[in-house]
Amino acid sequence: MLTDRARKKAVAHLRAADPLLSDVIDRVGACKFAPRAEGTHFDAVVRAIVYQQLSGKAAATIHARVMGLYGNRPPAPAELLETPDSDLREAGLSRQKLSYLKDLAEKVDSGEVPLDDLEEMQDDDVVDALVKVKGVGRWTAQMFLMFRLGRPDVLPDLDLGIQKGVQLMHGLDALPPPRRVLELGEPWRPYRTIASWYLWRSLE
């Protein structure tokens, strides 16, 4: 988890490692990156699935309706498994996302995906565990690493915002492919999460 001191250390490292990123840091200002601490890891993955490929407002509405089925609180895996599909569909979930959430709940309930143990696992092992769930790909797993576990060295190379940020920063004619994003981001280790936060903010 990143403390204020760790954030300052990360920013100092990034400034020294990459003059172009240092310019971005000057424009954006102080680092305010902070992971979401409330709720459980299960809640966080449920939320990530609901929010996939939707605008923030639409996703928030559907997420609130789903929580409303459980007294305006996140469900436990067993509760979600017992909820009729028709109720979840009425809350606004697509059939596909409904299947993803049920698969998540089933795998967590059975212990196949050990959400409670993820904090003790290496980044790559966390990704490997999460992508066992239908609808959870590497990008979603990386968002979990960054914004739930607060891991400091994640670079989501598949993320369009990161690709755009790198393109603008380097004055590239086209979006860099993921491989190139990783190459250009190599100097940012071990604080690629903080570099990513600055790239996202630079687009606002």
N, C-alpha and C. Protein backbone atom coordinates (compact mmCIF):
# COMPACT_ATOMS: atom_id res chain seq x y z
N MET A 1 0.84 -1.19 0.00
CA MET A 1 0.00 0.00 0.00
C MET A 1 0.88 1.24 0.00
N LEU A 2 0.48 2.25 -0.74
CA LEU A 2 1.29 3.45 -0.88
C LEU A 2 0.95 4.49 0.19
N THR A 3 1.93 4.85 1.00
CA THR A 3 1.79 5.92 1.97
C THR A 3 2.14 7.25 1.28
N ASP A 4 1.89 8.37 1.97
CA ASP A 4 2.27 9.67 1.43
C ASP A 4 3.76 9.72 1.14
N ARG A 5 4.53 9.17 2.05
CA ARG A 5 5.99 9.15 1.87
C ARG A 5 6.37 8.35 0.64
N ALA A 6 5.68 7.20 0.46
CA ALA A 6 5.97 6.35 -0.70
C ALA A 6 5.59 7.05 -2.00
N ARG A 7 4.48 7.79 -1.98
CA ARG A 7 4.08 8.52 -3.18
C ARG A 7 5.12 9.56 -3.56
N LYS A 8 5.63 10.29 -2.55
CA LYS A 8 6.66 11.30 -2.82
C LYS A 8 7.93 10.66 -3.37
N LYS A 9 8.30 9.52 -2.81
CA LYS A 9 9.47 8.79 -3.29
C LYS A 9 9.26 8.34 -4.73
N ALA A 10 8.04 7.87 -5.03
CA ALA A 10 7.72 7.42 -6.38
C ALA A 10 7.83 8.56 -7.38
N VAL A 11 7.27 9.72 -7.02
CA VAL A 11 7.30 10.88 -7.92
C VAL A 11 8.74 11.33 -8.16
N ALA A 12 9.55 11.34 -7.11
CA ALA A 12 10.96 11.73 -7.26
C ALA A 12 11.69 10.78 -8.20
N HIS A 13 11.41 9.49 -8.06
CA HIS A 13 12.03 8.49 -8.94
C HIS A 13 11.61 8.71 -10.40
N LEU A 14 10.31 8.93 -10.61
CA LEU A 14 9.79 9.09 -11.96
C LEU A 14 10.36 10.35 -12.63
N ARG A 15 10.48 11.42 -11.85
CA ARG A 15 11.06 12.65 -12.39
C ARG A 15 12.51 12.42 -12.87
N ALA A 16 13.27 11.70 -12.04
CA ALA A 16 14.67 11.45 -12.38
C ALA A 16 14.80 10.47 -13.54
N ALA A 17 13.85 9.54 -13.64
CA ALA A 17 13.95 8.47 -14.64
C ALA A 17 13.50 8.89 -16.03
N ASP A 18 12.60 9.89 -16.12
CA ASP A 18 12.00 10.22 -17.41
C ASP A 18 11.66 11.71 -17.47
N PRO A 19 12.49 12.51 -18.18
CA PRO A 19 12.24 13.95 -18.27
C PRO A 19 10.88 14.29 -18.88
N LEU A 20 10.41 13.50 -19.84
CA LEU A 20 9.10 13.77 -20.44
C LEU A 20 7.98 13.56 -19.42
N LEU A 21 8.11 12.51 -18.64
CA LEU A 21 7.12 12.27 -17.60
C LEU A 21 7.20 13.34 -16.52
N SER A 22 8.40 13.84 -16.27
CA SER A 22 8.56 14.92 -15.30
C SER A 22 7.75 16.15 -15.72
N ASP A 23 7.73 16.43 -17.03
CA ASP A 23 6.92 17.54 -17.54
C ASP A 23 5.43 17.30 -17.29
N VAL A 24 5.00 16.05 -17.48
CA VAL A 24 3.60 15.68 -17.23
C VAL A 24 3.28 15.89 -15.75
N ILE A 25 4.18 15.47 -14.88
CA ILE A 25 3.97 15.62 -13.44
C ILE A 25 3.82 17.10 -13.08
N ASP A 26 4.65 17.96 -13.72
CA ASP A 26 4.54 19.40 -13.47
C ASP A 26 3.14 19.92 -13.82
N ARG A 27 2.62 19.45 -14.95
CA ARG A 27 1.31 19.92 -15.41
C ARG A 27 0.18 19.41 -14.53
N VAL A 28 0.26 18.16 -14.13
CA VAL A 28 -0.83 17.53 -13.37
C VAL A 28 -0.82 17.96 -11.90
N GLY A 29 0.36 18.04 -11.31
CA GLY A 29 0.46 18.44 -9.91
C GLY A 29 0.67 17.27 -8.97
N ALA A 30 0.32 17.48 -7.72
CA ALA A 30 0.58 16.48 -6.68
C ALA A 30 -0.13 15.16 -6.98
N CYS A 31 0.52 14.07 -6.61
CA CYS A 31 -0.06 12.74 -6.81
C CYS A 31 -1.15 12.47 -5.78
N LYS A 32 -2.34 12.18 -6.25
CA LYS A 32 -3.46 11.88 -5.35
C LYS A 32 -3.98 10.46 -5.54
N PHE A 33 -3.13 9.62 -6.10
CA PHE A 33 -3.54 8.22 -6.29
C PHE A 33 -3.83 7.57 -4.94
N ALA A 34 -4.97 6.89 -4.86
CA ALA A 34 -5.31 6.15 -3.65
C ALA A 34 -6.25 5.01 -4.02
N PRO A 35 -5.94 3.80 -3.57
CA PRO A 35 -6.83 2.66 -3.86
C PRO A 35 -8.13 2.76 -3.06
N ARG A 36 -9.16 2.03 -3.53
CA ARG A 36 -10.45 2.00 -2.83
C ARG A 36 -10.36 0.98 -1.69
N ALA A 37 -10.54 1.47 -0.47
CA ALA A 37 -10.37 0.59 0.70
C ALA A 37 -11.69 0.00 1.19
N GLU A 38 -12.81 0.64 0.84
CA GLU A 38 -14.08 0.19 1.42
C GLU A 38 -14.55 -1.12 0.79
N GLY A 39 -15.33 -1.87 1.57
CA GLY A 39 -15.89 -3.12 1.06
C GLY A 39 -14.87 -4.25 1.03
N THR A 40 -15.30 -5.35 0.41
CA THR A 40 -14.45 -6.55 0.30
C THR A 40 -13.88 -6.66 -1.11
N HIS A 41 -12.94 -7.57 -1.26
CA HIS A 41 -12.39 -7.82 -2.59
C HIS A 41 -13.48 -8.32 -3.54
N PHE A 42 -14.40 -9.12 -3.01
CA PHE A 42 -15.51 -9.61 -3.84
C PHE A 42 -16.34 -8.44 -4.36
N ASP A 43 -16.66 -7.50 -3.48
CA ASP A 43 -17.41 -6.31 -3.90
C ASP A 43 -16.68 -5.60 -5.05
N ALA A 44 -15.35 -5.50 -4.91
CA ALA A 44 -14.56 -4.76 -5.89
C ALA A 44 -14.62 -5.41 -7.26
N VAL A 45 -14.58 -6.75 -7.30
CA VAL A 45 -14.62 -7.44 -8.60
C VAL A 45 -16.04 -7.37 -9.18
N VAL A 46 -17.06 -7.49 -8.32
CA VAL A 46 -18.45 -7.31 -8.79
C VAL A 46 -18.60 -5.94 -9.45
N ARG A 47 -18.11 -4.92 -8.78
CA ARG A 47 -18.21 -3.56 -9.30
C ARG A 47 -17.48 -3.43 -10.63
N ALA A 48 -16.28 -4.02 -10.71
CA ALA A 48 -15.49 -3.94 -11.95
C ALA A 48 -16.24 -4.58 -13.12
N ILE A 49 -16.90 -5.71 -12.87
CA ILE A 49 -17.65 -6.40 -13.93
C ILE A 49 -18.85 -5.55 -14.36
N VAL A 50 -19.58 -5.01 -13.38
CA VAL A 50 -20.75 -4.19 -13.70
C VAL A 50 -20.34 -2.98 -14.55
N TYR A 51 -19.19 -2.39 -14.23
CA TYR A 51 -18.76 -1.16 -14.89
C TYR A 51 -18.13 -1.38 -16.27
N GLN A 52 -17.82 -2.62 -16.62
CA GLN A 52 -17.17 -2.89 -17.91
C GLN A 52 -17.99 -2.34 -19.08
N GLN A 53 -17.33 -1.59 -19.97
CA GLN A 53 -17.89 -1.14 -21.24
C GLN A 53 -19.15 -0.29 -21.09
N LEU A 54 -19.30 0.37 -19.93
CA LEU A 54 -20.43 1.27 -19.73
C LEU A 54 -19.91 2.64 -19.30
N SER A 55 -20.69 3.69 -19.56
CA SER A 55 -20.35 5.00 -19.03
C SER A 55 -20.48 4.94 -17.51
N GLY A 56 -19.75 5.82 -16.83
CA GLY A 56 -19.76 5.82 -15.38
C GLY A 56 -21.15 5.97 -14.80
N LYS A 57 -21.97 6.86 -15.40
CA LYS A 57 -23.31 7.13 -14.88
C LYS A 57 -24.22 5.91 -15.05
N ALA A 58 -24.20 5.30 -16.23
CA ALA A 58 -25.05 4.13 -16.47
C ALA A 58 -24.64 2.97 -15.56
N ALA A 59 -23.33 2.78 -15.44
CA ALA A 59 -22.84 1.68 -14.60
C ALA A 59 -23.20 1.91 -13.14
N ALA A 60 -23.08 3.15 -12.68
CA ALA A 60 -23.40 3.47 -11.28
C ALA A 60 -24.88 3.19 -10.99
N THR A 61 -25.74 3.50 -11.96
CA THR A 61 -27.18 3.25 -11.79
C THR A 61 -27.46 1.76 -11.65
N ILE A 62 -26.88 0.97 -12.54
CA ILE A 62 -27.10 -0.48 -12.50
C ILE A 62 -26.50 -1.07 -11.23
N HIS A 63 -25.31 -0.63 -10.87
CA HIS A 63 -24.65 -1.13 -9.66
C HIS A 63 -25.52 -0.85 -8.44
N ALA A 64 -26.08 0.37 -8.37
CA ALA A 64 -26.94 0.73 -7.23
C ALA A 64 -28.19 -0.14 -7.18
N ARG A 65 -28.75 -0.44 -8.37
CA ARG A 65 -29.95 -1.31 -8.40
C ARG A 65 -29.62 -2.72 -7.92
N VAL A 66 -28.46 -3.23 -8.32
CA VAL A 66 -28.04 -4.56 -7.87
C VAL A 66 -27.88 -4.55 -6.35
N MET A 67 -27.20 -3.53 -5.82
CA MET A 67 -27.04 -3.44 -4.36
C MET A 67 -28.41 -3.34 -3.67
N GLY A 68 -29.36 -2.68 -4.34
CA GLY A 68 -30.70 -2.54 -3.78
C GLY A 68 -31.40 -3.86 -3.54
N LEU A 69 -31.02 -4.88 -4.30
CA LEU A 69 -31.61 -6.21 -4.11
C LEU A 69 -31.21 -6.81 -2.76
N TYR A 70 -30.16 -6.28 -2.16
CA TYR A 70 -29.63 -6.83 -0.90
C TYR A 70 -29.67 -5.79 0.22
N GLY A 71 -30.66 -4.90 0.16
CA GLY A 71 -30.78 -3.89 1.21
C GLY A 71 -29.73 -2.81 1.10
N ASN A 72 -29.37 -2.48 -0.14
CA ASN A 72 -28.38 -1.43 -0.42
C ASN A 72 -27.01 -1.74 0.19
N ARG A 73 -26.65 -3.00 0.10
CA ARG A 73 -25.30 -3.41 0.50
C ARG A 73 -24.81 -4.45 -0.50
N PRO A 74 -23.50 -4.65 -0.58
CA PRO A 74 -22.99 -5.66 -1.51
C PRO A 74 -23.37 -7.07 -1.04
N PRO A 75 -23.68 -7.96 -1.96
CA PRO A 75 -24.01 -9.33 -1.58
C PRO A 75 -22.77 -10.17 -1.29
N ALA A 76 -22.96 -11.20 -0.49
CA ALA A 76 -21.94 -12.23 -0.35
C ALA A 76 -22.04 -13.17 -1.55
N PRO A 77 -20.97 -13.91 -1.86
CA PRO A 77 -21.03 -14.83 -3.02
C PRO A 77 -22.23 -15.77 -2.99
N ALA A 78 -22.51 -16.36 -1.82
CA ALA A 78 -23.63 -17.31 -1.73
C ALA A 78 -24.96 -16.62 -2.00
N GLU A 79 -25.10 -15.38 -1.53
CA GLU A 79 -26.34 -14.63 -1.77
C GLU A 79 -26.52 -14.36 -3.26
N LEU A 80 -25.46 -13.99 -3.92
CA LEU A 80 -25.55 -13.71 -5.35
C LEU A 80 -25.92 -14.97 -6.13
N LEU A 81 -25.36 -16.10 -5.73
CA LEU A 81 -25.68 -17.37 -6.39
C LEU A 81 -27.16 -17.71 -6.24
N GLU A 82 -27.74 -17.36 -5.09
CA GLU A 82 -29.14 -17.72 -4.82
C GLU A 82 -30.14 -16.74 -5.44
N THR A 83 -29.65 -15.61 -5.95
CA THR A 83 -30.55 -14.60 -6.50
C THR A 83 -31.06 -15.03 -7.87
N PRO A 84 -32.37 -15.02 -8.09
CA PRO A 84 -32.91 -15.41 -9.40
C PRO A 84 -32.34 -14.51 -10.50
N ASP A 85 -32.04 -15.14 -11.63
CA ASP A 85 -31.50 -14.38 -12.76
C ASP A 85 -32.45 -13.25 -13.17
N SER A 86 -33.75 -13.50 -13.06
CA SER A 86 -34.73 -12.50 -13.48
C SER A 86 -34.60 -11.22 -12.64
N ASP A 87 -34.29 -11.37 -11.36
CA ASP A 87 -34.13 -10.19 -10.50
C ASP A 87 -32.91 -9.37 -10.91
N LEU A 88 -31.84 -10.07 -11.24
CA LEU A 88 -30.61 -9.37 -11.65
C LEU A 88 -30.79 -8.73 -13.03
N ARG A 89 -31.54 -9.38 -13.88
CA ARG A 89 -31.81 -8.79 -15.20
C ARG A 89 -32.65 -7.53 -15.06
N GLU A 90 -33.62 -7.57 -14.16
CA GLU A 90 -34.47 -6.39 -13.94
C GLU A 90 -33.67 -5.22 -13.37
N ALA A 91 -32.57 -5.53 -12.69
CA ALA A 91 -31.70 -4.47 -12.16
C ALA A 91 -30.89 -3.80 -13.27
N GLY A 92 -30.90 -4.42 -14.45
CA GLY A 92 -30.22 -3.81 -15.59
C GLY A 92 -29.02 -4.56 -16.10
N LEU A 93 -28.71 -5.69 -15.50
CA LEU A 93 -27.55 -6.47 -15.96
C LEU A 93 -27.86 -7.18 -17.28
N SER A 94 -26.91 -7.16 -18.19
CA SER A 94 -27.04 -7.94 -19.42
C SER A 94 -26.91 -9.42 -19.08
N ARG A 95 -27.37 -10.27 -20.00
CA ARG A 95 -27.24 -11.71 -19.77
C ARG A 95 -25.76 -12.09 -19.60
N GLN A 96 -24.92 -11.45 -20.39
CA GLN A 96 -23.49 -11.76 -20.33
C GLN A 96 -22.90 -11.40 -18.98
N LYS A 97 -23.18 -10.19 -18.50
CA LYS A 97 -22.63 -9.79 -17.20
C LYS A 97 -23.23 -10.59 -16.06
N LEU A 98 -24.48 -10.96 -16.20
CA LEU A 98 -25.12 -11.83 -15.22
C LEU A 98 -24.36 -13.15 -15.12
N SER A 99 -24.00 -13.71 -16.28
CA SER A 99 -23.25 -14.98 -16.28
C SER A 99 -21.87 -14.79 -15.66
N TYR A 100 -21.25 -13.62 -15.91
CA TYR A 100 -19.94 -13.34 -15.33
C TYR A 100 -20.02 -13.27 -13.80
N LEU A 101 -21.05 -12.58 -13.29
CA LEU A 101 -21.18 -12.42 -11.84
C LEU A 101 -21.47 -13.76 -11.15
N LYS A 102 -22.31 -14.57 -11.79
CA LYS A 102 -22.62 -15.88 -11.21
C LYS A 102 -21.36 -16.77 -11.22
N ASP A 103 -20.57 -16.68 -12.29
CA ASP A 103 -19.33 -17.46 -12.37
C ASP A 103 -18.35 -17.01 -11.29
N LEU A 104 -18.25 -15.68 -11.10
CA LEU A 104 -17.40 -15.15 -10.03
C LEU A 104 -17.84 -15.68 -8.68
N ALA A 105 -19.13 -15.56 -8.39
CA ALA A 105 -19.66 -15.99 -7.09
C ALA A 105 -19.42 -17.48 -6.86
N GLU A 106 -19.61 -18.27 -7.92
CA GLU A 106 -19.42 -19.72 -7.80
C GLU A 106 -17.96 -20.07 -7.52
N LYS A 107 -17.05 -19.41 -8.24
CA LYS A 107 -15.63 -19.73 -8.08
C LYS A 107 -15.07 -19.22 -6.73
N VAL A 108 -15.60 -18.10 -6.26
CA VAL A 108 -15.17 -17.60 -4.95
C VAL A 108 -15.77 -18.47 -3.84
N ASP A 109 -17.03 -18.82 -3.97
CA ASP A 109 -17.71 -19.63 -2.95
C ASP A 109 -17.07 -21.01 -2.82
N SER A 110 -16.60 -21.56 -3.94
CA SER A 110 -15.98 -22.89 -3.92
C SER A 110 -14.52 -22.85 -3.49
N GLY A 111 -13.93 -21.65 -3.48
CA GLY A 111 -12.52 -21.52 -3.13
C GLY A 111 -11.58 -21.61 -4.32
N GLU A 112 -12.14 -21.80 -5.52
CA GLU A 112 -11.29 -21.88 -6.71
C GLU A 112 -10.54 -20.57 -6.96
N VAL A 113 -11.22 -19.46 -6.69
CA VAL A 113 -10.58 -18.14 -6.76
C VAL A 113 -10.50 -17.60 -5.33
N PRO A 114 -9.31 -17.66 -4.72
CA PRO A 114 -9.17 -17.33 -3.28
C PRO A 114 -9.00 -15.82 -3.06
N LEU A 115 -10.10 -15.08 -3.17
CA LEU A 115 -10.01 -13.61 -3.08
C LEU A 115 -9.36 -13.14 -1.79
N ASP A 116 -9.62 -13.85 -0.69
CA ASP A 116 -9.11 -13.41 0.60
C ASP A 116 -7.59 -13.58 0.71
N ASP A 117 -7.02 -14.35 -0.19
CA ASP A 117 -5.57 -14.59 -0.13
C ASP A 117 -4.78 -13.71 -1.10
N LEU A 118 -5.48 -12.91 -1.91
CA LEU A 118 -4.79 -12.19 -2.98
C LEU A 118 -3.75 -11.21 -2.47
N GLU A 119 -3.98 -10.62 -1.31
CA GLU A 119 -3.03 -9.63 -0.80
C GLU A 119 -1.67 -10.23 -0.52
N GLU A 120 -1.62 -11.53 -0.29
CA GLU A 120 -0.35 -12.19 0.01
C GLU A 120 0.35 -12.69 -1.25
N MET A 121 -0.30 -12.56 -2.40
CA MET A 121 0.22 -13.13 -3.64
C MET A 121 0.97 -12.10 -4.48
N GLN A 122 1.89 -12.60 -5.32
CA GLN A 122 2.61 -11.75 -6.27
C GLN A 122 1.64 -11.24 -7.34
N ASP A 123 2.00 -10.12 -7.98
CA ASP A 123 1.12 -9.51 -8.97
C ASP A 123 0.68 -10.50 -10.05
N ASP A 124 1.62 -11.22 -10.62
CA ASP A 124 1.29 -12.15 -11.71
C ASP A 124 0.36 -13.26 -11.24
N ASP A 125 0.53 -13.69 -9.99
CA ASP A 125 -0.33 -14.74 -9.45
C ASP A 125 -1.74 -14.22 -9.20
N VAL A 126 -1.85 -12.94 -8.81
CA VAL A 126 -3.17 -12.33 -8.65
C VAL A 126 -3.89 -12.30 -9.99
N VAL A 127 -3.18 -11.88 -11.04
CA VAL A 127 -3.77 -11.85 -12.38
C VAL A 127 -4.22 -13.25 -12.80
N ASP A 128 -3.35 -14.24 -12.58
CA ASP A 128 -3.69 -15.62 -12.96
C ASP A 128 -4.94 -16.11 -12.24
N ALA A 129 -5.09 -15.72 -10.97
CA ALA A 129 -6.27 -16.15 -10.20
C ALA A 129 -7.53 -15.48 -10.72
N LEU A 130 -7.45 -14.18 -10.97
CA LEU A 130 -8.66 -13.44 -11.35
C LEU A 130 -9.14 -13.78 -12.76
N VAL A 131 -8.22 -14.05 -13.68
CA VAL A 131 -8.66 -14.32 -15.06
C VAL A 131 -9.31 -15.69 -15.20
N LYS A 132 -9.36 -16.47 -14.13
CA LYS A 132 -10.13 -17.71 -14.15
C LYS A 132 -11.63 -17.42 -14.21
N VAL A 133 -12.01 -16.21 -13.80
CA VAL A 133 -13.42 -15.83 -13.80
C VAL A 133 -13.82 -15.37 -15.20
N LYS A 134 -14.96 -15.88 -15.66
CA LYS A 134 -15.47 -15.45 -16.96
C LYS A 134 -15.68 -13.94 -16.97
N GLY A 135 -15.22 -13.29 -18.02
CA GLY A 135 -15.42 -11.85 -18.14
C GLY A 135 -14.36 -11.01 -17.45
N VAL A 136 -13.44 -11.65 -16.75
CA VAL A 136 -12.33 -10.92 -16.11
C VAL A 136 -11.06 -11.20 -16.91
N GLY A 137 -10.61 -10.19 -17.64
CA GLY A 137 -9.39 -10.32 -18.41
C GLY A 137 -8.22 -9.66 -17.70
N ARG A 138 -7.10 -9.57 -18.41
CA ARG A 138 -5.88 -9.02 -17.80
C ARG A 138 -6.07 -7.56 -17.39
N TRP A 139 -6.81 -6.78 -18.23
CA TRP A 139 -7.01 -5.37 -17.91
C TRP A 139 -7.76 -5.22 -16.59
N THR A 140 -8.86 -5.97 -16.43
CA THR A 140 -9.64 -5.89 -15.19
C THR A 140 -8.80 -6.32 -13.99
N ALA A 141 -7.99 -7.37 -14.17
CA ALA A 141 -7.13 -7.84 -13.08
C ALA A 141 -6.09 -6.77 -12.72
N GLN A 142 -5.57 -6.07 -13.73
CA GLN A 142 -4.60 -5.01 -13.46
C GLN A 142 -5.25 -3.84 -12.72
N MET A 143 -6.50 -3.50 -13.09
CA MET A 143 -7.21 -2.45 -12.37
C MET A 143 -7.40 -2.85 -10.90
N PHE A 144 -7.66 -4.13 -10.65
CA PHE A 144 -7.81 -4.63 -9.28
C PHE A 144 -6.49 -4.48 -8.53
N LEU A 145 -5.39 -4.84 -9.18
CA LEU A 145 -4.08 -4.70 -8.55
C LEU A 145 -3.81 -3.25 -8.15
N MET A 146 -4.15 -2.33 -9.05
CA MET A 146 -3.84 -0.92 -8.82
C MET A 146 -4.79 -0.29 -7.81
N PHE A 147 -6.09 -0.40 -8.10
CA PHE A 147 -7.07 0.41 -7.37
C PHE A 147 -7.71 -0.31 -6.19
N ARG A 148 -7.45 -1.61 -6.04
CA ARG A 148 -7.93 -2.33 -4.86
C ARG A 148 -6.77 -2.68 -3.93
N LEU A 149 -5.72 -3.30 -4.50
CA LEU A 149 -4.60 -3.74 -3.68
C LEU A 149 -3.53 -2.66 -3.51
N GLY A 150 -3.60 -1.62 -4.35
CA GLY A 150 -2.62 -0.54 -4.23
C GLY A 150 -1.21 -0.95 -4.61
N ARG A 151 -1.09 -1.91 -5.53
CA ARG A 151 0.24 -2.35 -5.95
C ARG A 151 0.93 -1.23 -6.74
N PRO A 152 2.20 -0.94 -6.45
CA PRO A 152 2.85 0.25 -6.99
C PRO A 152 3.43 0.11 -8.40
N ASP A 153 3.55 -1.11 -8.90
CA ASP A 153 4.30 -1.28 -10.16
C ASP A 153 3.50 -2.00 -11.22
N VAL A 154 2.33 -1.45 -11.56
CA VAL A 154 1.47 -2.04 -12.59
C VAL A 154 1.36 -1.06 -13.76
N LEU A 155 1.59 -1.56 -14.97
CA LEU A 155 1.44 -0.74 -16.17
C LEU A 155 0.43 -1.42 -17.09
N PRO A 156 -0.81 -0.92 -17.13
CA PRO A 156 -1.85 -1.55 -17.96
C PRO A 156 -1.67 -1.20 -19.43
N ASP A 157 -0.85 -1.99 -20.08
CA ASP A 157 -0.43 -1.70 -21.46
C ASP A 157 -1.57 -1.80 -22.47
N LEU A 158 -2.66 -2.49 -22.11
CA LEU A 158 -3.81 -2.63 -23.01
C LEU A 158 -4.78 -1.46 -22.90
N ASP A 159 -4.56 -0.59 -21.92
CA ASP A 159 -5.50 0.49 -21.63
C ASP A 159 -5.37 1.61 -22.66
N LEU A 160 -6.51 2.00 -23.24
CA LEU A 160 -6.50 3.03 -24.28
C LEU A 160 -6.00 4.37 -23.74
N GLY A 161 -6.40 4.72 -22.52
CA GLY A 161 -5.96 5.97 -21.93
C GLY A 161 -4.45 6.01 -21.74
N ILE A 162 -3.87 4.91 -21.31
CA ILE A 162 -2.42 4.83 -21.14
C ILE A 162 -1.74 4.97 -22.50
N GLN A 163 -2.27 4.28 -23.50
CA GLN A 163 -1.69 4.38 -24.85
C GLN A 163 -1.77 5.81 -25.37
N LYS A 164 -2.91 6.48 -25.14
CA LYS A 164 -3.05 7.87 -25.58
C LYS A 164 -2.08 8.79 -24.83
N GLY A 165 -1.95 8.54 -23.54
CA GLY A 165 -1.04 9.35 -22.74
C GLY A 165 0.40 9.23 -23.20
N VAL A 166 0.81 8.00 -23.51
CA VAL A 166 2.17 7.76 -24.01
C VAL A 166 2.34 8.41 -25.39
N GLN A 167 1.32 8.28 -26.23
CA GLN A 167 1.38 8.89 -27.57
C GLN A 167 1.59 10.41 -27.47
N LEU A 168 0.80 11.07 -26.64
CA LEU A 168 0.91 12.52 -26.49
C LEU A 168 2.25 12.91 -25.89
N MET A 169 2.68 12.19 -24.88
CA MET A 169 3.91 12.53 -24.18
C MET A 169 5.13 12.44 -25.10
N HIS A 170 5.10 11.45 -26.00
CA HIS A 170 6.24 11.23 -26.90
C HIS A 170 6.03 11.84 -28.29
N GLY A 171 4.85 12.46 -28.50
CA GLY A 171 4.59 13.06 -29.80
C GLY A 171 4.56 12.04 -30.94
N LEU A 172 3.98 10.87 -30.66
CA LEU A 172 3.93 9.80 -31.66
C LEU A 172 2.79 10.05 -32.64
N ASP A 173 2.96 9.58 -33.88
CA ASP A 173 1.93 9.76 -34.91
C ASP A 173 0.72 8.86 -34.69
N ALA A 174 0.94 7.73 -34.04
CA ALA A 174 -0.14 6.76 -33.83
C ALA A 174 -0.07 6.22 -32.41
N LEU A 175 -1.16 5.58 -31.98
CA LEU A 175 -1.16 4.94 -30.67
C LEU A 175 -0.08 3.87 -30.61
N PRO A 176 0.72 3.84 -29.56
CA PRO A 176 1.73 2.78 -29.45
C PRO A 176 1.07 1.45 -29.11
N PRO A 177 1.54 0.35 -29.68
CA PRO A 177 1.00 -0.96 -29.30
C PRO A 177 1.44 -1.30 -27.88
N PRO A 178 0.77 -2.26 -27.26
CA PRO A 178 1.11 -2.61 -25.87
C PRO A 178 2.59 -2.89 -25.65
N ARG A 179 3.21 -3.58 -26.58
CA ARG A 179 4.64 -3.91 -26.44
C ARG A 179 5.49 -2.65 -26.32
N ARG A 180 5.15 -1.64 -27.12
CA ARG A 180 5.90 -0.37 -27.10
C ARG A 180 5.63 0.39 -25.80
N VAL A 181 4.39 0.33 -25.30
CA VAL A 181 4.07 0.97 -24.02
C VAL A 181 4.95 0.39 -22.92
N LEU A 182 5.10 -0.93 -22.91
CA LEU A 182 5.92 -1.57 -21.89
C LEU A 182 7.39 -1.17 -22.03
N GLU A 183 7.87 -1.05 -23.27
CA GLU A 183 9.26 -0.65 -23.50
C GLU A 183 9.51 0.77 -22.98
N LEU A 184 8.61 1.69 -23.34
CA LEU A 184 8.77 3.08 -22.94
C LEU A 184 8.57 3.26 -21.44
N GLY A 185 7.80 2.35 -20.84
CA GLY A 185 7.54 2.44 -19.41
C GLY A 185 8.56 1.74 -18.54
N GLU A 186 9.52 1.08 -19.15
CA GLU A 186 10.52 0.32 -18.38
C GLU A 186 11.26 1.20 -17.35
N PRO A 187 11.65 2.44 -17.70
CA PRO A 187 12.36 3.28 -16.72
C PRO A 187 11.52 3.64 -15.49
N TRP A 188 10.22 3.48 -15.57
CA TRP A 188 9.35 3.88 -14.47
C TRP A 188 9.31 2.87 -13.33
N ARG A 189 9.82 1.65 -13.58
CA ARG A 189 9.86 0.66 -12.50
C ARG A 189 10.60 1.25 -11.30
N PRO A 190 10.22 0.95 -10.07
CA PRO A 190 9.12 0.09 -9.63
C PRO A 190 7.84 0.87 -9.28
N TYR A 191 7.59 1.97 -10.02
CA TYR A 191 6.45 2.82 -9.71
C TYR A 191 5.58 3.07 -10.94
N ARG A 192 5.35 2.02 -11.72
CA ARG A 192 4.60 2.22 -12.96
C ARG A 192 3.12 2.53 -12.70
N THR A 193 2.60 2.14 -11.54
CA THR A 193 1.23 2.52 -11.18
C THR A 193 1.10 4.03 -11.09
N ILE A 194 2.04 4.67 -10.43
CA ILE A 194 2.01 6.12 -10.28
C ILE A 194 2.19 6.81 -11.62
N ALA A 195 3.08 6.29 -12.45
CA ALA A 195 3.25 6.84 -13.80
C ALA A 195 1.94 6.73 -14.58
N SER A 196 1.25 5.60 -14.45
CA SER A 196 -0.03 5.40 -15.14
C SER A 196 -1.06 6.41 -14.67
N TRP A 197 -1.09 6.64 -13.37
CA TRP A 197 -2.04 7.62 -12.81
C TRP A 197 -1.80 8.99 -13.44
N TYR A 198 -0.54 9.37 -13.57
CA TYR A 198 -0.22 10.67 -14.16
C TYR A 198 -0.61 10.71 -15.65
N LEU A 199 -0.42 9.62 -16.36
CA LEU A 199 -0.81 9.59 -17.78
C LEU A 199 -2.32 9.76 -17.93
N TRP A 200 -3.10 9.08 -17.09
CA TRP A 200 -4.55 9.24 -17.14
C TRP A 200 -4.96 10.67 -16.84
N ARG A 201 -4.37 11.24 -15.80
CA ARG A 201 -4.71 12.62 -15.42
C ARG A 201 -4.31 13.62 -16.51
N SER A 202 -3.26 13.31 -17.24
CA SER A 202 -2.77 14.23 -18.28
C SER A 202 -3.77 14.39 -19.42
N LEU A 203 -4.72 13.45 -19.53
CA LEU A 203 -5.71 13.49 -20.61
C LEU A 203 -6.95 14.29 -20.20
N GLU A 204 -7.05 14.67 -18.95
CA GLU A 204 -8.26 15.34 -18.47
C GLU A 204 -8.23 16.83 -18.77
